[in-house]
Amino acid sequence: MNLQNFTWTREPMDYTISDNEVSIITKPYTDLWQRTYYHFRNDNAPVFQMETDEQFFSFTVKSDFSDSHQRYDQCGIVMYLDSENWLKACIEYENEEFQHLGSVVTNNGYSDWATTEVPVNVKSMWYRFSRREDDYCIECSDDGIKFKQMRICHMNKGGGAIQFGIFACSAENSSFKATFTNFSFGECMWKAHDGQQPD
């Protein structure tokens, strides 16, 4: 992928970009969340994205967060359309015992959060983000070879041109370095459904 096609929606505290690597130093008190359950609204995380109107594709990237150490330190993939319509997938540091591997889908200003606990010694994760028109699939992998489905979702405003890429943030008084490598963009690896036909 050509990282020159990416642009910032809010720049991080500091960052470096090379041919196939992006490192982000997060700012304290940065996050993405809208309303649901917690009622607050956070919309200030740095996002590095490219735009496409391609209707069928997969985007893959490896994240390294060896430096995360404070509750809610997080980094991963994102599709940020506007403040009230976006999705993200990441590992979020929780404490010295576990982290949350999860995804958030936000449609029309309301976020949900689907999570599972992972050991605190997990310090890198691959993500694959796939599009089939206005439906999306998020997968993760320990090795970049075998991917496991995290979620399938529909985006109400995700049918036309979209922006997608990476993000990193620290929701509390923290800062850490997140590094992204192995960017790829190509054929949709999420195949068309071939089972039960819809009614």
Protein backbone atom coordinates (compact mmCIF):
# COMPACT_ATOMS: atom_id res chain seq x y z
CA MET A 1 0.00 0.00 0.00
CA ASN A 2 1.06 3.55 -0.63
CA LEU A 3 0.88 5.32 2.71
CA GLN A 4 1.03 8.64 0.89
CA ASN A 5 -2.65 8.05 0.13
CA PHE A 6 -3.41 8.27 3.86
CA THR A 7 -4.30 11.48 5.67
CA TRP A 8 -4.80 12.42 9.32
CA THR A 9 -8.09 13.11 10.98
CA ARG A 10 -6.56 14.73 14.06
CA GLU A 11 -2.81 14.25 14.31
CA PRO A 12 -1.31 12.39 17.29
CA MET A 13 1.16 13.89 19.75
CA ASP A 14 4.01 12.59 17.60
CA TYR A 15 4.41 10.09 14.78
CA THR A 16 6.78 8.67 12.17
CA ILE A 17 5.93 7.26 8.75
CA SER A 18 8.20 5.19 6.50
CA ASP A 19 7.49 3.06 3.42
CA ASN A 20 5.46 0.42 5.28
CA GLU A 21 5.48 1.45 8.93
CA VAL A 22 3.59 4.00 10.99
CA SER A 23 4.37 4.73 14.63
CA ILE A 24 1.99 6.81 16.72
CA ILE A 25 2.64 8.39 20.12
CA THR A 26 -0.75 8.84 21.73
CA LYS A 27 -2.02 11.89 23.55
CA PRO A 28 -3.61 11.52 27.00
CA TYR A 29 -7.41 11.65 27.20
CA THR A 30 -8.06 10.65 23.59
CA ASP A 31 -10.74 8.13 22.61
CA LEU A 32 -13.62 7.23 20.30
CA TRP A 33 -17.03 6.51 21.87
CA GLN A 34 -20.59 7.73 21.44
CA ARG A 35 -23.29 7.80 24.15
CA THR A 36 -24.33 4.18 24.79
CA TYR A 37 -24.24 3.05 28.45
CA TYR A 38 -21.47 5.44 29.52
CA HIS A 39 -23.48 8.40 28.14
CA PHE A 40 -20.34 10.45 27.44
CA ARG A 41 -19.13 11.27 23.95
CA ASN A 42 -15.43 11.08 23.03
CA ASP A 43 -14.36 12.02 19.53
CA ASN A 44 -10.73 13.08 19.62
CA ALA A 45 -8.59 10.02 18.81
CA PRO A 46 -6.04 10.42 16.00
CA VAL A 47 -7.06 8.53 12.87
CA PHE A 48 -4.87 7.82 9.81
CA GLN A 49 -6.96 6.79 6.80
CA MET A 50 -7.27 6.50 3.05
CA GLU A 51 -10.44 6.87 0.98
CA THR A 52 -11.91 4.41 -1.52
CA ASP A 53 -15.17 3.79 -3.33
CA GLU A 54 -14.17 0.15 -3.99
CA GLN A 55 -17.12 -2.01 -2.97
CA PHE A 56 -15.26 -5.29 -2.37
CA PHE A 57 -11.84 -5.40 -0.69
CA SER A 58 -9.80 -6.51 2.30
CA PHE A 59 -7.37 -4.36 4.26
CA THR A 60 -4.82 -6.05 6.52
CA VAL A 61 -2.36 -4.56 9.00
CA LYS A 62 -0.25 -5.68 11.97
CA SER A 63 -0.31 -3.66 15.18
CA ASP A 64 2.33 -3.69 17.92
CA PHE A 65 1.48 -2.19 21.31
CA SER A 66 4.34 -3.47 23.47
CA ASP A 67 4.44 -0.06 25.16
CA SER A 68 0.79 0.00 26.33
CA HIS A 69 0.58 0.11 30.12
CA GLN A 70 -2.36 2.19 31.32
CA ARG A 71 -6.06 1.31 31.42
CA TYR A 72 -7.73 1.99 28.05
CA ASP A 73 -4.49 2.36 26.05
CA GLN A 74 -5.56 0.98 22.66
CA CYS A 75 -4.71 0.76 18.96
CA GLY A 76 -6.07 -1.01 15.91
CA ILE A 77 -8.08 -0.54 12.73
CA VAL A 78 -10.80 1.99 12.10
CA MET A 79 -13.35 3.13 9.53
CA TYR A 80 -14.16 6.69 10.52
CA LEU A 81 -16.87 8.27 8.36
CA ASP A 82 -17.86 11.08 10.72
CA SER A 83 -18.22 11.61 14.46
CA GLU A 84 -21.41 9.55 14.67
CA ASN A 85 -20.69 6.79 12.14
CA TRP A 86 -17.58 4.65 12.50
CA LEU A 87 -16.19 1.31 13.60
CA LYS A 88 -12.98 0.20 15.25
CA ALA A 89 -11.26 -3.00 16.36
CA CYS A 90 -8.40 -3.08 18.85
CA ILE A 91 -6.82 -4.52 21.95
CA GLU A 92 -7.40 -2.28 24.95
CA TYR A 93 -5.13 -2.57 27.99
CA GLU A 94 -7.10 -3.15 31.18
CA ASN A 95 -4.73 -4.15 34.00
CA GLU A 96 -1.77 -6.41 34.79
CA GLU A 97 -3.90 -9.53 34.35
CA PHE A 98 -5.87 -9.10 31.12
CA GLN A 99 -6.76 -6.91 28.14
CA HIS A 100 -9.89 -6.58 26.02
CA LEU A 101 -9.83 -7.65 22.38
CA GLY A 102 -12.92 -6.05 20.94
CA SER A 103 -14.75 -4.04 18.35
CA VAL A 104 -17.05 -1.04 18.43
CA VAL A 105 -19.66 -0.23 15.80
CA THR A 106 -21.24 3.21 15.90
CA ASN A 107 -24.30 3.94 13.78
CA ASN A 108 -26.11 7.29 14.02
CA GLY A 109 -24.35 8.33 17.20
CA TYR A 110 -24.69 5.19 19.33
CA SER A 111 -21.78 2.81 20.00
CA ASP A 112 -21.82 -0.85 20.94
CA TRP A 113 -18.87 -2.83 22.29
CA ALA A 114 -18.21 -6.54 21.75
CA THR A 115 -15.22 -7.93 23.68
CA THR A 116 -13.35 -10.94 24.91
CA GLU A 117 -10.49 -11.08 27.40
CA VAL A 118 -6.97 -11.86 26.21
CA PRO A 119 -3.78 -12.31 28.27
CA VAL A 120 -1.77 -9.22 29.11
CA ASN A 121 1.34 -10.72 27.47
CA VAL A 122 -0.28 -10.38 24.01
CA LYS A 123 1.56 -7.40 22.55
CA SER A 124 0.77 -7.59 18.84
CA MET A 125 -2.25 -8.40 16.71
CA TRP A 126 -3.09 -8.59 13.01
CA TYR A 127 -6.44 -7.27 11.78
CA ARG A 128 -8.27 -7.83 8.52
CA PHE A 129 -11.07 -5.46 7.55
CA SER A 130 -13.24 -6.58 4.63
CA ARG A 131 -16.02 -4.85 2.74
CA ARG A 132 -18.91 -6.22 0.70
CA GLU A 133 -20.86 -3.09 -0.31
CA ASP A 134 -22.35 -1.67 2.93
CA ASP A 135 -21.60 -4.78 5.02
CA TYR A 136 -18.30 -5.31 6.81
CA CYS A 137 -16.30 -8.08 8.45
CA ILE A 138 -13.55 -7.69 11.06
CA GLU A 139 -11.09 -10.50 11.73
CA CYS A 140 -7.98 -10.88 13.87
CA SER A 141 -4.91 -13.11 13.80
CA ASP A 142 -1.93 -13.94 15.99
CA ASP A 143 0.32 -14.72 13.02
CA GLY A 144 -1.12 -12.95 9.98
CA ILE A 145 -2.00 -16.30 8.38
CA LYS A 146 -4.97 -17.76 10.20
CA PHE A 147 -7.68 -15.16 10.82
CA LYS A 148 -10.63 -15.51 13.19
CA GLN A 149 -13.90 -13.66 12.75
CA MET A 150 -14.61 -10.96 15.34
CA ARG A 151 -17.79 -9.54 13.92
CA ILE A 152 -19.98 -8.87 10.88
CA CYS A 153 -21.86 -5.59 10.78
CA HIS A 154 -23.84 -3.21 8.62
CA MET A 155 -22.97 0.47 8.41
CA ASN A 156 -25.91 2.76 7.72
CA LYS A 157 -23.68 5.29 5.95
CA GLY A 158 -21.18 2.77 4.62
CA GLY A 159 -22.49 2.25 1.10
CA GLY A 160 -20.52 4.84 -0.87
CA ALA A 161 -17.00 6.18 -0.62
CA ILE A 162 -15.49 5.41 2.78
CA GLN A 163 -12.34 6.12 4.74
CA PHE A 164 -10.49 3.39 6.63
CA GLY A 165 -7.13 2.86 8.28
CA ILE A 166 -5.57 2.85 11.76
CA PHE A 167 -5.88 4.64 15.07
CA ALA A 168 -4.28 4.76 18.52
CA CYS A 169 -5.36 6.55 21.67
CA SER A 170 -5.09 6.72 25.46
CA ALA A 171 -8.39 7.45 27.19
CA GLU A 172 -6.79 8.20 30.56
CA ASN A 173 -3.71 10.21 31.56
CA SER A 174 -1.31 8.09 29.53
CA SER A 175 0.79 8.02 26.41
CA PHE A 176 2.29 5.05 24.56
CA LYS A 177 3.83 4.12 21.23
CA ALA A 178 1.80 2.03 18.77
CA THR A 179 3.46 0.69 15.63
CA PHE A 180 1.72 -0.55 12.48
CA THR A 181 3.35 -2.62 9.74
CA ASN A 182 2.50 -5.07 6.95
CA PHE A 183 -0.15 -2.90 5.33
CA SER A 184 -1.98 -4.57 2.45
CA PHE A 185 -5.06 -3.80 0.36
CA GLY A 186 -6.54 -6.13 -2.22
CA GLU A 187 -9.07 -8.77 -3.15
CA CYS A 188 -11.93 -9.28 -0.71
CA MET A 189 -11.08 -12.31 1.42
CA TRP A 190 -14.56 -12.35 2.95
CA LYS A 191 -16.41 -14.54 0.50
CA ALA A 192 -20.05 -14.17 -0.50
CA HIS A 193 -22.45 -16.17 1.64
CA ASP A 194 -23.30 -19.49 -0.02
CA GLY A 195 -25.56 -21.08 2.59
CA GLN A 196 -29.19 -20.43 3.48
CA GLN A 197 -30.89 -18.09 1.06
CA PRO A 198 -32.60 -15.01 2.51
CA ASP A 199 -36.40 -14.94 2.71
